[in-house]
PDB file of N, CA and C in Angstrom:
ATOM      1  N   MET A   1     -92.104 -24.509  42.069  1.00  0.00           N
ATOM      2  CA  MET A   1     -90.994 -25.341  42.072  1.00  0.00           C
ATOM      3  C   MET A   1     -89.713 -24.473  41.572  1.00  0.00           C
ATOM      4  N   VAL A   2     -89.786 -24.260  40.259  1.00  0.00           N
ATOM      5  CA  VAL A   2     -88.610 -23.206  39.490  1.00  0.00           C
ATOM      6  C   VAL A   2     -87.744 -22.945  40.449  1.00  0.00           C
ATOM      7  N   LYS A   3     -88.451 -21.635  40.901  1.00  0.00           N
ATOM      8  CA  LYS A   3     -87.904 -20.187  41.582  1.00  0.00           C
ATOM      9  C   LYS A   3     -87.355 -21.176  42.728  1.00  0.00           C
ATOM     10  N   TYR A   4     -87.983 -22.273  43.291  1.00  0.00           N
ATOM     11  CA  TYR A   4     -87.538 -23.072  44.598  1.00  0.00           C
ATOM     12  C   TYR A   4     -85.911 -23.782  44.090  1.00  0.00           C
ATOM     13  N   ALA A   5     -85.324 -23.963  42.917  1.00  0.00           N
ATOM     14  CA  ALA A   5     -84.318 -24.911  42.200  1.00  0.00           C
ATOM     15  C   ALA A   5     -83.744 -23.530  41.427  1.00  0.00           C
ATOM     16  N   ILE A   6     -84.210 -22.798  41.389  1.00  0.00           N
ATOM     17  CA  ILE A   6     -83.308 -21.136  40.984  1.00  0.00           C
ATOM     18  C   ILE A   6     -82.371 -20.908  42.480  1.00  0.00           C
ATOM     19  N   THR A   7     -82.801 -21.150  43.374  1.00  0.00           N
ATOM     20  CA  THR A   7     -82.681 -19.952  44.894  1.00  0.00           C
ATOM     21  C   THR A   7     -82.056 -20.883  45.172  1.00  0.00           C
ATOM     22  N   ASN A   8     -82.019 -22.130  45.578  1.00  0.00           N
ATOM     23  CA  ASN A   8     -81.403 -23.604  46.171  1.00  0.00           C
ATOM     24  C   ASN A   8     -80.573 -24.450  45.881  1.00  0.00           C
ATOM     25  N   TYR A   9     -80.835 -24.481  44.665  1.00  0.00           N
ATOM     26  CA  TYR A   9     -79.207 -25.369  43.738  1.00  0.00           C
ATOM     27  C   TYR A   9     -78.933 -24.330  42.448  1.00  0.00           C
ATOM     28  N   GLN A  10     -79.042 -23.486  42.255  1.00  0.00           N
ATOM     29  CA  GLN A  10     -78.382 -22.172  41.939  1.00  0.00           C
ATOM     30  C   GLN A  10     -78.756 -22.938  40.332  1.00  0.00           C
ATOM     31  N   ALA A  11     -79.599 -22.894  39.670  1.00  0.00           N
ATOM     32  CA  ALA A  11     -80.206 -23.448  38.458  1.00  0.00           C
ATOM     33  C   ALA A  11     -79.862 -22.356  37.414  1.00  0.00           C
ATOM     34  N   ASN A  12     -79.554 -22.169  36.151  1.00  0.00           N
ATOM     35  CA  ASN A  12     -79.228 -20.812  35.422  1.00  0.00           C
ATOM     36  C   ASN A  12     -81.192 -20.695  35.380  1.00  0.00           C
ATOM     37  N   SER A  13     -81.341 -19.272  35.155  1.00  0.00           N
ATOM     38  CA  SER A  13     -82.582 -18.922  35.169  1.00  0.00           C
ATOM     39  C   SER A  13     -83.344 -18.759  33.453  1.00  0.00           C
ATOM     40  N   ASN A  14     -81.311 -18.506  32.613  1.00  0.00           N
ATOM     41  CA  ASN A  14     -81.678 -17.936  31.118  1.00  0.00           C
ATOM     42  C   ASN A  14     -81.981 -19.311  30.483  1.00  0.00           C
ATOM     43  N   ARG A  15     -81.849 -20.376  31.151  1.00  0.00           N
ATOM     44  CA  ARG A  15     -81.896 -21.666  30.623  1.00  0.00           C
ATOM     45  C   ARG A  15     -83.318 -22.780  31.148  1.00  0.00           C
ATOM     46  N   ILE A  16     -84.369 -22.524  31.236  1.00  0.00           N
ATOM     47  CA  ILE A  16     -85.650 -22.701  32.078  1.00  0.00           C
ATOM     48  C   ILE A  16     -86.367 -23.225  30.421  1.00  0.00           C
ATOM     49  N   TYR A  17     -87.220 -24.253  30.351  1.00  0.00           N
ATOM     50  CA  TYR A  17     -87.816 -25.298  29.213  1.00  0.00           C
ATOM     51  C   TYR A  17     -88.164 -25.305  29.889  1.00  0.00           C
ATOM     52  N   VAL A  18     -89.741 -25.406  29.542  1.00  0.00           N
ATOM     53  CA  VAL A  18     -90.409 -26.710  29.865  1.00  0.00           C
ATOM     54  C   VAL A  18     -91.076 -26.902  27.384  1.00  0.00           C
ATOM     55  N   THR A  19     -91.571 -28.654  27.737  1.00  0.00           N
ATOM     56  CA  THR A  19     -91.602 -29.382  26.775  1.00  0.00           C
ATOM     57  C   THR A  19     -92.806 -30.341  27.334  1.00  0.00           C
ATOM     58  N   GLY A  20     -93.474 -30.917  26.044  1.00  0.00           N
ATOM     59  CA  GLY A  20     -95.037 -32.125  26.214  1.00  0.00           C
ATOM     60  C   GLY A  20     -95.217 -31.621  25.329  1.00  0.00           C
ATOM     61  N   THR A  21     -96.376 -33.372  25.336  1.00  0.00           N
ATOM     62  CA  THR A  21     -97.413 -33.704  24.242  1.00  0.00           C
ATOM     63  C   THR A  21     -98.390 -34.123  24.537  1.00  0.00           C
ATOM     64  N   SER A  22     -99.087 -33.987  24.087  1.00  0.00           N
ATOM     65  CA  SER A  22    -101.106 -34.001  23.683  1.00  0.00           C
ATOM     66  C   SER A  22    -101.391 -33.534  25.864  1.00  0.00           C
ATOM     67  N   CYS A  23    -101.520 -34.140  26.717  1.00  0.00           N
ATOM     68  CA  CYS A  23    -101.932 -33.551  28.177  1.00  0.00           C
ATOM     69  C   CYS A  23    -100.836 -32.659  28.823  1.00  0.00           C
ATOM     70  N   GLY A  24     -99.563 -32.824  28.876  1.00  0.00           N
ATOM     71  CA  GLY A  24     -97.713 -32.361  28.665  1.00  0.00           C
ATOM     72  C   GLY A  24     -98.499 -30.846  27.956  1.00  0.00           C
ATOM     73  N   GLY A  25     -98.447 -31.523  26.775  1.00  0.00           N
ATOM     74  CA  GLY A  25     -98.125 -30.099  26.699  1.00  0.00           C
ATOM     75  C   GLY A  25     -99.515 -28.885  26.074  1.00  0.00           C
ATOM     76  N   MET A  26    -100.465 -29.568  26.899  1.00  0.00           N
ATOM     77  CA  MET A  26    -101.426 -28.725  27.415  1.00  0.00           C
ATOM     78  C   MET A  26    -100.739 -28.059  28.722  1.00  0.00           C
ATOM     79  N   MET A  27     -99.926 -28.476  29.768  1.00  0.00           N
ATOM     80  CA  MET A  27     -99.629 -28.066  30.767  1.00  0.00           C
ATOM     81  C   MET A  27     -98.362 -27.110  30.613  1.00  0.00           C
ATOM     82  N   THR A  28     -97.707 -27.584  29.635  1.00  0.00           N
ATOM     83  CA  THR A  28     -96.679 -26.660  28.814  1.00  0.00           C
ATOM     84  C   THR A  28     -97.308 -25.803  28.815  1.00  0.00           C
ATOM     85  N   GLU A  29     -98.100 -25.384  27.551  1.00  0.00           N
ATOM     86  CA  GLU A  29     -98.726 -23.839  27.293  1.00  0.00           C
ATOM     87  C   GLU A  29     -99.473 -22.733  28.590  1.00  0.00           C
ATOM     88  N   ALA A  30    -100.016 -24.212  29.232  1.00  0.00           N
ATOM     89  CA  ALA A  30    -100.221 -23.371  30.760  1.00  0.00           C
ATOM     90  C   ALA A  30     -99.011 -22.931  31.619  1.00  0.00           C
ATOM     91  N   LEU A  31     -97.684 -23.909  31.230  1.00  0.00           N
ATOM     92  CA  LEU A  31     -96.948 -23.106  32.281  1.00  0.00           C
ATOM     93  C   LEU A  31     -96.291 -21.348  31.363  1.00  0.00           C
ATOM     94  N   LEU A  32     -96.498 -21.913  29.920  1.00  0.00           N
ATOM     95  CA  LEU A  32     -95.665 -20.748  29.432  1.00  0.00           C
ATOM     96  C   LEU A  32     -96.956 -19.420  29.606  1.00  0.00           C
ATOM     97  N   ALA A  33     -97.811 -19.468  29.384  1.00  0.00           N
ATOM     98  CA  ALA A  33     -98.542 -18.392  29.546  1.00  0.00           C
ATOM     99  C   ALA A  33     -99.358 -17.718  31.219  1.00  0.00           C
ATOM    100  N   VAL A  34     -99.041 -18.572  31.784  1.00  0.00           N
ATOM    101  CA  VAL A  34     -99.469 -18.139  33.157  1.00  0.00           C
ATOM    102  C   VAL A  34     -97.996 -17.270  33.917  1.00  0.00           C
ATOM    103  N   TYR A  35     -96.553 -17.916  33.158  1.00  0.00           N
ATOM    104  CA  TYR A  35     -95.398 -18.489  34.173  1.00  0.00           C
ATOM    105  C   TYR A  35     -94.585 -17.124  33.050  1.00  0.00           C
ATOM    106  N   PRO A  36     -95.135 -16.601  31.978  1.00  0.00           N
ATOM    107  CA  PRO A  36     -94.202 -15.904  30.892  1.00  0.00           C
ATOM    108  C   PRO A  36     -92.529 -15.309  31.694  1.00  0.00           C
ATOM    109  N   ASP A  37     -92.742 -15.187  32.962  1.00  0.00           N
ATOM    110  CA  ASP A  37     -91.121 -14.029  33.242  1.00  0.00           C
ATOM    111  C   ASP A  37     -90.472 -15.116  34.022  1.00  0.00           C
ATOM    112  N   ILE A  38     -90.640 -17.081  33.936  1.00  0.00           N
ATOM    113  CA  ILE A  38     -89.806 -17.872  34.703  1.00  0.00           C
ATOM    114  C   ILE A  38     -89.649 -18.762  32.916  1.00  0.00           C
ATOM    115  N   SER A  39     -90.400 -18.886  32.250  1.00  0.00           N
ATOM    116  CA  SER A  39     -89.920 -20.070  31.243  1.00  0.00           C
ATOM    117  C   SER A  39     -89.240 -19.086  30.248  1.00  0.00           C
ATOM    118  N   LYS A  40     -88.266 -19.691  29.774  1.00  0.00           N
ATOM    119  CA  LYS A  40     -87.495 -18.462  27.849  1.00  0.00           C
ATOM    120  C   LYS A  40     -87.957 -19.469  27.222  1.00  0.00           C
ATOM    121  N   ARG A  41     -88.305 -20.762  26.896  1.00  0.00           N
ATOM    122  CA  ARG A  41     -88.757 -21.521  25.372  1.00  0.00           C
ATOM    123  C   ARG A  41     -89.684 -22.469  25.935  1.00  0.00           C
ATOM    124  N   GLY A  42     -90.570 -22.714  25.084  1.00  0.00           N
ATOM    125  CA  GLY A  42     -91.306 -24.013  25.307  1.00  0.00           C
ATOM    126  C   GLY A  42     -91.657 -24.569  23.675  1.00  0.00           C
ATOM    127  N   ALA A  43     -91.589 -25.888  24.116  1.00  0.00           N
ATOM    128  CA  ALA A  43     -91.781 -26.786  23.010  1.00  0.00           C
ATOM    129  C   ALA A  43     -93.002 -27.747  22.703  1.00  0.00           C
ATOM    130  N   PHE A  44     -94.079 -27.908  22.117  1.00  0.00           N
ATOM    131  CA  PHE A  44     -95.436 -28.636  22.724  1.00  0.00           C
ATOM    132  C   PHE A  44     -96.243 -29.400  21.576  1.00  0.00           C
ATOM    133  N   ALA A  45     -96.679 -30.099  22.258  1.00  0.00           N
ATOM    134  CA  ALA A  45     -97.964 -30.598  20.505  1.00  0.00           C
ATOM    135  C   ALA A  45     -99.495 -30.619  21.821  1.00  0.00           C
ATOM    136  N   GLY A  46    -100.412 -29.850  21.804  1.00  0.00           N
ATOM    137  CA  GLY A  46    -101.376 -29.946  22.655  1.00  0.00           C
ATOM    138  C   GLY A  46    -102.384 -28.825  21.818  1.00  0.00           C
ATOM    139  N   GLN A  47    -103.419 -27.849  22.883  1.00  0.00           N
ATOM    140  CA  GLN A  47    -104.537 -27.626  22.446  1.00  0.00           C
ATOM    141  C   GLN A  47    -103.633 -25.922  22.586  1.00  0.00           C
ATOM    142  N   VAL A  48    -104.901 -25.216  21.757  1.00  0.00           N
ATOM    143  CA  VAL A  48    -104.279 -23.955  22.432  1.00  0.00           C
ATOM    144  C   VAL A  48    -104.802 -23.350  23.792  1.00  0.00           C
ATOM    145  N   VAL A  49    -104.684 -22.426  24.519  1.00  0.00           N
ATOM    146  CA  VAL A  49    -104.305 -22.255  26.104  1.00  0.00           C
ATOM    147  C   VAL A  49    -106.231 -21.579  26.456  1.00  0.00           C
ATOM    148  N   GLY A  50    -106.749 -22.035  26.615  1.00  0.00           N
ATOM    149  CA  GLY A  50    -108.491 -21.662  26.607  1.00  0.00           C
ATOM    150  C   GLY A  50    -109.124 -22.485  25.372  1.00  0.00           C
ATOM    151  N   GLY A  51    -108.024 -23.712  24.641  1.00  0.00           N
ATOM    152  CA  GLY A  51    -109.390 -24.323  23.832  1.00  0.00           C
ATOM    153  C   GLY A  51    -109.989 -25.547  24.532  1.00  0.00           C
ATOM    154  N   ALA A  52    -110.421 -26.445  23.743  1.00  0.00           N
ATOM    155  CA  ALA A  52    -111.289 -27.676  23.542  1.00  0.00           C
ATOM    156  C   ALA A  52    -110.693 -28.618  23.392  1.00  0.00           C
ATOM    157  N   TRP A  53    -111.363 -29.889  23.370  1.00  0.00           N
ATOM    158  CA  TRP A  53    -110.749 -30.996  22.607  1.00  0.00           C
ATOM    159  C   TRP A  53    -111.076 -30.715  20.903  1.00  0.00           C
ATOM    160  N   THR A  54    -112.340 -30.344  20.689  1.00  0.00           N
ATOM    161  CA  THR A  54    -112.636 -30.629  19.210  1.00  0.00           C
ATOM    162  C   THR A  54    -112.543 -28.459  19.081  1.00  0.00           C
ATOM    163  N   PRO A  55    -111.964 -28.632  17.542  1.00  0.00           N
ATOM    164  CA  PRO A  55    -112.181 -27.312  17.431  1.00  0.00           C
ATOM    165  C   PRO A  55    -112.914 -26.101  17.619  1.00  0.00           C
ATOM    166  N   ILE A  56    -112.035 -24.802  18.288  1.00  0.00           N
ATOM    167  CA  ILE A  56    -112.376 -23.741  18.757  1.00  0.00           C
ATOM    168  C   ILE A  56    -111.962 -22.427  17.629  1.00  0.00           C
ATOM    169  N   THR A  57    -112.571 -22.046  17.309  1.00  0.00           N
ATOM    170  CA  THR A  57    -112.072 -20.882  16.112  1.00  0.00           C
ATOM    171  C   THR A  57    -111.929 -19.473  16.851  1.00  0.00           C
ATOM    172  N   HIS A  58    -111.227 -18.511  16.997  1.00  0.00           N
ATOM    173  CA  HIS A  58    -111.020 -17.142  17.795  1.00  0.00           C
ATOM    174  C   HIS A  58    -110.559 -16.790  16.541  1.00  0.00           C
ATOM    175  N   THR A  59    -109.981 -15.058  16.073  1.00  0.00           N
ATOM    176  CA  THR A  59    -108.837 -14.164  16.012  1.00  0.00           C
ATOM    177  C   THR A  59    -108.036 -14.488  16.562  1.00  0.00           C
ATOM    178  N   ALA A  60    -107.016 -14.709  16.042  1.00  0.00           N
ATOM    179  CA  ALA A  60    -105.625 -13.899  16.379  1.00  0.00           C
ATOM    180  C   ALA A  60    -105.797 -13.432  17.462  1.00  0.00           C
ATOM    181  N   GLN A  61    -105.844 -12.208  17.720  1.00  0.00           N
ATOM    182  CA  GLN A  61    -106.310 -11.148  19.035  1.00  0.00           C
ATOM    183  C   GLN A  61    -106.862 -11.688  19.594  1.00  0.00           C
ATOM    184  N   GLU A  62    -107.952 -12.206  19.535  1.00  0.00           N
ATOM    185  CA  GLU A  62    -108.591 -13.139  20.582  1.00  0.00           C
ATOM    186  C   GLU A  62    -107.596 -13.767  21.289  1.00  0.00           C
ATOM    187  N   TRP A  63    -107.325 -15.318  20.823  1.00  0.00           N
ATOM    188  CA  TRP A  63    -106.497 -16.009  20.940  1.00  0.00           C
ATOM    189  C   TRP A  63    -104.991 -15.740  21.770  1.00  0.00           C
ATOM    190  N   GLY A  64    -104.606 -14.664  21.299  1.00  0.00           N
ATOM    191  CA  GLY A  64    -103.132 -13.854  22.461  1.00  0.00           C
ATOM    192  C   GLY A  64    -104.070 -12.627  23.626  1.00  0.00           C
ATOM    193  N   ASP A  65    -105.006 -12.754  23.798  1.00  0.00           N
ATOM    194  CA  ASP A  65    -105.768 -12.275  24.162  1.00  0.00           C
ATOM    195  C   ASP A  65    -106.320 -12.901  25.560  1.00  0.00           C
ATOM    196  N   ILE A  66    -106.930 -13.849  25.448  1.00  0.00           N
ATOM    197  CA  ILE A  66    -106.818 -15.279  26.533  1.00  0.00           C
ATOM    198  C   ILE A  66    -105.532 -15.946  27.049  1.00  0.00           C
ATOM    199  N   ALA A  67    -104.283 -15.675  25.959  1.00  0.00           N
ATOM    200  CA  ALA A  67    -102.884 -16.216  26.766  1.00  0.00           C
ATOM    201  C   ALA A  67    -102.154 -15.276  27.716  1.00  0.00           C
ATOM    202  N   ARG A  68    -102.651 -13.772  26.956  1.00  0.00           N
ATOM    203  CA  ARG A  68    -101.885 -12.932  27.886  1.00  0.00           C
ATOM    204  C   ARG A  68    -102.675 -12.665  29.420  1.00  0.00           C
ATOM    205  N   ALA A  69    -103.943 -12.897  29.006  1.00  0.00           N
ATOM    206  CA  ALA A  69    -104.869 -12.276  30.211  1.00  0.00           C
ATOM    207  C   ALA A  69    -104.506 -13.976  31.327  1.00  0.00           C
ATOM    208  N   CYS A  70    -103.835 -15.005  31.197  1.00  0.00           N
ATOM    209  CA  CYS A  70    -103.149 -15.939  32.240  1.00  0.00           C
ATOM    210  C   CYS A  70    -102.249 -15.000  33.038  1.00  0.00           C
ATOM    211  N   TYR A  71    -101.842 -14.426  32.730  1.00  0.00           N
ATOM    212  CA  TYR A  71    -101.042 -13.162  33.508  1.00  0.00           C
ATOM    213  C   TYR A  71    -101.058 -11.494  33.652  1.00  0.00           C
ATOM    214  N   PRO A  72    -102.229 -11.054  33.905  1.00  0.00           N
ATOM    215  CA  PRO A  72    -103.154  -9.828  33.615  1.00  0.00           C
ATOM    216  C   PRO A  72    -101.490  -8.315  34.217  1.00  0.00           C
ATOM    217  N   GLY A  73    -101.691  -7.975  33.316  1.00  0.00           N
ATOM    218  CA  GLY A  73    -100.329  -6.817  33.935  1.00  0.00           C
ATOM    219  C   GLY A  73     -98.739  -6.682  33.489  1.00  0.00           C
ATOM    220  N   TYR A  74     -98.340  -7.993  33.091  1.00  0.00           N
ATOM    221  CA  TYR A  74     -97.208  -8.657  33.342  1.00  0.00           C
ATOM    222  C   TYR A  74     -96.674  -8.079  31.048  1.00  0.00           C
ATOM    223  N   THR A  75     -95.558  -7.045  31.844  1.00  0.00           N
ATOM    224  CA  THR A  75     -94.862  -6.271  30.276  1.00  0.00           C
ATOM    225  C   THR A  75     -94.084  -7.039  29.615  1.00  0.00           C
ATOM    226  N   GLY A  76     -92.803  -7.902  30.811  1.00  0.00           N
ATOM    227  CA  GLY A  76     -91.730  -8.543  30.238  1.00  0.00           C
ATOM    228  C   GLY A  76     -91.463  -9.319  29.320  1.00  0.00           C
ATOM    229  N   SER A  77     -90.346  -9.640  29.003  1.00  0.00           N
ATOM    230  CA  SER A  77     -90.596 -10.328  28.078  1.00  0.00           C
ATOM    231  C   SER A  77     -91.414 -12.140  27.717  1.00  0.00           C
ATOM    232  N   ARG A  78     -91.474 -12.510  26.709  1.00  0.00           N
ATOM    233  CA  ARG A  78     -92.265 -13.446  26.806  1.00  0.00           C
ATOM    234  C   ARG A  78     -91.279 -14.952  26.249  1.00  0.00           C
ATOM    235  N   PRO A  79     -91.720 -16.285  26.625  1.00  0.00           N
ATOM    236  CA  PRO A  79     -90.736 -16.568  26.385  1.00  0.00           C
ATOM    237  C   PRO A  79     -91.050 -17.527  24.396  1.00  0.00           C
ATOM    238  N   ARG A  80     -90.250 -18.244  23.753  1.00  0.00           N
ATOM    239  CA  ARG A  80     -90.445 -18.196  22.299  1.00  0.00           C
ATOM    240  C   ARG A  80     -90.882 -19.407  22.347  1.00  0.00           C
ATOM    241  N   VAL A  81     -92.184 -20.466  21.769  1.00  0.00           N
ATOM    242  CA  VAL A  81     -92.585 -21.657  21.606  1.00  0.00           C
ATOM    243  C   VAL A  81     -91.933 -22.330  19.897  1.00  0.00           C
ATOM    244  N   GLN A  82     -92.408 -23.372  20.139  1.00  0.00           N
ATOM    245  CA  GLN A  82     -92.239 -24.601  18.960  1.00  0.00           C
ATOM    246  C   GLN A  82     -93.583 -25.332  18.877  1.00  0.00           C
ATOM    247  N   LEU A  83     -94.276 -25.088  17.876  1.00  0.00           N
ATOM    248  CA  LEU A  83     -94.998 -26.277  17.864  1.00  0.00           C
ATOM    249  C   LEU A  83     -95.305 -27.440  17.269  1.00  0.00           C
ATOM    250  N   TRP A  84     -96.006 -28.203  17.363  1.00  0.00           N
ATOM    251  CA  TRP A  84     -95.961 -29.475  16.845  1.00  0.00           C
ATOM    252  C   TRP A  84     -97.069 -30.355  17.077  1.00  0.00           C
ATOM    253  N   HIS A  85     -97.286 -30.889  16.194  1.00  0.00           N
ATOM    254  CA  HIS A  85     -98.907 -30.970  15.553  1.00  0.00           C
ATOM    255  C   HIS A  85     -98.859 -32.198  14.518  1.00  0.00           C
ATOM    256  N   GLY A  86     -99.143 -33.116  14.770  1.00  0.00           N
ATOM    257  CA  GLY A  86     -99.155 -34.356  14.091  1.00  0.00           C
ATOM    258  C   GLY A  86    -100.921 -34.564  13.615  1.00  0.00           C
ATOM    259  N   THR A  87    -100.776 -34.798  12.482  1.00  0.00           N
ATOM    260  CA  THR A  87    -102.257 -35.472  11.604  1.00  0.00           C
ATOM    261  C   THR A  87    -103.126 -36.462  11.739  1.00  0.00           C
ATOM    262  N   ALA A  88    -102.528 -37.633  12.541  1.00  0.00           N
ATOM    263  CA  ALA A  88    -102.846 -38.595  12.834  1.00  0.00           C
ATOM    264  C   ALA A  88    -103.787 -38.748  14.071  1.00  0.00           C
ATOM    265  N   ASP A  89    -103.223 -37.727  14.984  1.00  0.00           N
ATOM    266  CA  ASP A  89    -103.822 -37.954  16.495  1.00  0.00           C
ATOM    267  C   ASP A  89    -105.350 -37.813  16.595  1.00  0.00           C
ATOM    268  N   GLY A  90    -105.663 -39.336  17.027  1.00  0.00           N
ATOM    269  CA  GLY A  90    -107.205 -39.209  16.868  1.00  0.00           C
ATOM    270  C   GLY A  90    -108.062 -38.259  18.169  1.00  0.00           C
ATOM    271  N   THR A  91    -107.158 -38.072  18.690  1.00  0.00           N
ATOM    272  CA  THR A  91    -107.841 -36.709  20.167  1.00  0.00           C
ATOM    273  C   THR A  91    -107.503 -35.176  20.006  1.00  0.00           C
ATOM    274  N   ILE A  92    -107.118 -34.743  19.937  1.00  0.00           N
ATOM    275  CA  ILE A  92    -106.688 -33.473  19.644  1.00  0.00           C
ATOM    276  C   ILE A  92    -106.967 -33.571  18.291  1.00  0.00           C
ATOM    277  N   ASN A  93    -107.339 -32.511  17.350  1.00  0.00           N
ATOM    278  CA  ASN A  93    -107.950 -32.177  15.664  1.00  0.00           C
ATOM    279  C   ASN A  93    -107.384 -30.820  15.300  1.00  0.00           C
ATOM    280  N   TYR A  94    -106.617 -31.329  14.162  1.00  0.00           N
ATOM    281  CA  TYR A  94    -105.524 -30.766  13.459  1.00  0.00           C
ATOM    282  C   TYR A  94    -105.213 -29.456  12.979  1.00  0.00           C
ATOM    283  N   SER A  95    -106.884 -28.926  13.190  1.00  0.00           N
ATOM    284  CA  SER A  95    -107.180 -27.912  12.663  1.00  0.00           C
ATOM    285  C   SER A  95    -106.615 -27.138  13.999  1.00  0.00           C
ATOM    286  N   ASN A  96    -106.438 -27.576  15.317  1.00  0.00           N
ATOM    287  CA  ASN A  96    -106.276 -26.550  16.231  1.00  0.00           C
ATOM    288  C   ASN A  96    -104.980 -26.153  16.111  1.00  0.00           C
ATOM    289  N   GLN A  97    -103.904 -26.765  15.595  1.00  0.00           N
ATOM    290  CA  GLN A  97    -102.401 -26.225  15.107  1.00  0.00           C
ATOM    291  C   GLN A  97    -102.829 -24.517  14.389  1.00  0.00           C
ATOM    292  N   VAL A  98    -103.517 -24.438  14.046  1.00  0.00           N
ATOM    293  CA  VAL A  98    -104.049 -23.417  13.715  1.00  0.00           C
ATOM    294  C   VAL A  98    -103.744 -22.259  14.498  1.00  0.00           C
ATOM    295  N   GLU A  99    -105.267 -22.758  15.026  1.00  0.00           N
ATOM    296  CA  GLU A  99    -105.505 -21.764  15.970  1.00  0.00           C
ATOM    297  C   GLU A  99    -103.939 -21.764  17.183  1.00  0.00           C
ATOM    298  N   ALA A 100    -103.742 -22.666  17.618  1.00  0.00           N
ATOM    299  CA  ALA A 100    -102.731 -22.144  18.610  1.00  0.00           C
ATOM    300  C   ALA A 100    -101.268 -21.375  18.012  1.00  0.00           C
ATOM    301  N   ILE A 101    -101.172 -21.560  16.628  1.00  0.00           N
ATOM    302  CA  ILE A 101    -100.315 -21.020  15.768  1.00  0.00           C
ATOM    303  C   ILE A 101    -100.831 -19.410  15.951  1.00  0.00           C
ATOM    304  N   MET A 102    -101.841 -19.323  15.973  1.00  0.00           N
ATOM    305  CA  MET A 102    -102.308 -18.051  16.037  1.00  0.00           C
ATOM    306  C   MET A 102    -102.192 -17.511  17.564  1.00  0.00           C
ATOM    307  N   GLN A 103    -102.510 -18.383  18.534  1.00  0.00           N
ATOM    308  CA  GLN A 103    -102.619 -17.855  20.259  1.00  0.00           C
ATOM    309  C   GLN A 103    -100.999 -16.921  20.194  1.00  0.00           C
ATOM    310  N   TRP A 104     -99.784 -18.673  19.635  1.00  0.00           N
ATOM    311  CA  TRP A 104     -98.892 -17.672  20.248  1.00  0.00           C
ATOM    312  C   TRP A 104     -97.817 -16.661  19.249  1.00  0.00           C
ATOM    313  N   VAL A 105     -98.014 -16.654  17.952  1.00  0.00           N
ATOM    314  CA  VAL A 105     -97.988 -15.202  17.747  1.00  0.00           C
ATOM    315  C   VAL A 105     -98.438 -14.244  18.345  1.00  0.00           C
ATOM    316  N   MET A 106     -99.695 -14.024  18.391  1.00  0.00           N
ATOM    317  CA  MET A 106    -100.354 -12.752  19.125  1.00  0.00           C
ATOM    318  C   MET A 106     -99.757 -12.571  20.731  1.00  0.00           C
ATOM    319  N   PHE A 107     -99.698 -13.715  20.760  1.00  0.00           N
ATOM    320  CA  PHE A 107     -98.640 -13.541  22.712  1.00  0.00           C
ATOM    321  C   PHE A 107     -97.932 -12.448  23.045  1.00  0.00           C
ATOM    322  N   TRP A 108     -97.411 -11.705  22.566  1.00  0.00           N
ATOM    323  CA  TRP A 108     -96.096 -11.484  21.957  1.00  0.00           C
ATOM    324  C   TRP A 108     -96.677  -9.974  21.577  1.00  0.00           C
ATOM    325  N   VAL A 109     -97.369  -9.313  21.027  1.00  0.00           N
ATOM    326  CA  VAL A 109     -98.312  -8.409  20.957  1.00  0.00           C
ATOM    327  C   VAL A 109     -99.105  -7.609  22.169  1.00  0.00           C
TER     328      VAL A 109
END
């Protein structure tokens, strides 16, 4: 869809941003991991890529490996991210924020 808009509507490919919260946040993370060559920035509140509703812990390296595996072999630049998360969310555990920070810091390594 994004490539179509760039090609057919001359969208600025250097200004492709994705954002979302809750399920939209998880979709945002998936888009950033699967298409790091398209999105330049992302902001989200949600889970880690490859995570679950309940807290799951991995090392930062493992989280980064999970995200990078969404586009194996990709060596280009990766999107910058901003993470949002509140402490009052009854669905997504706040401890997942720490896991998400580890994942997205390691996404670039």
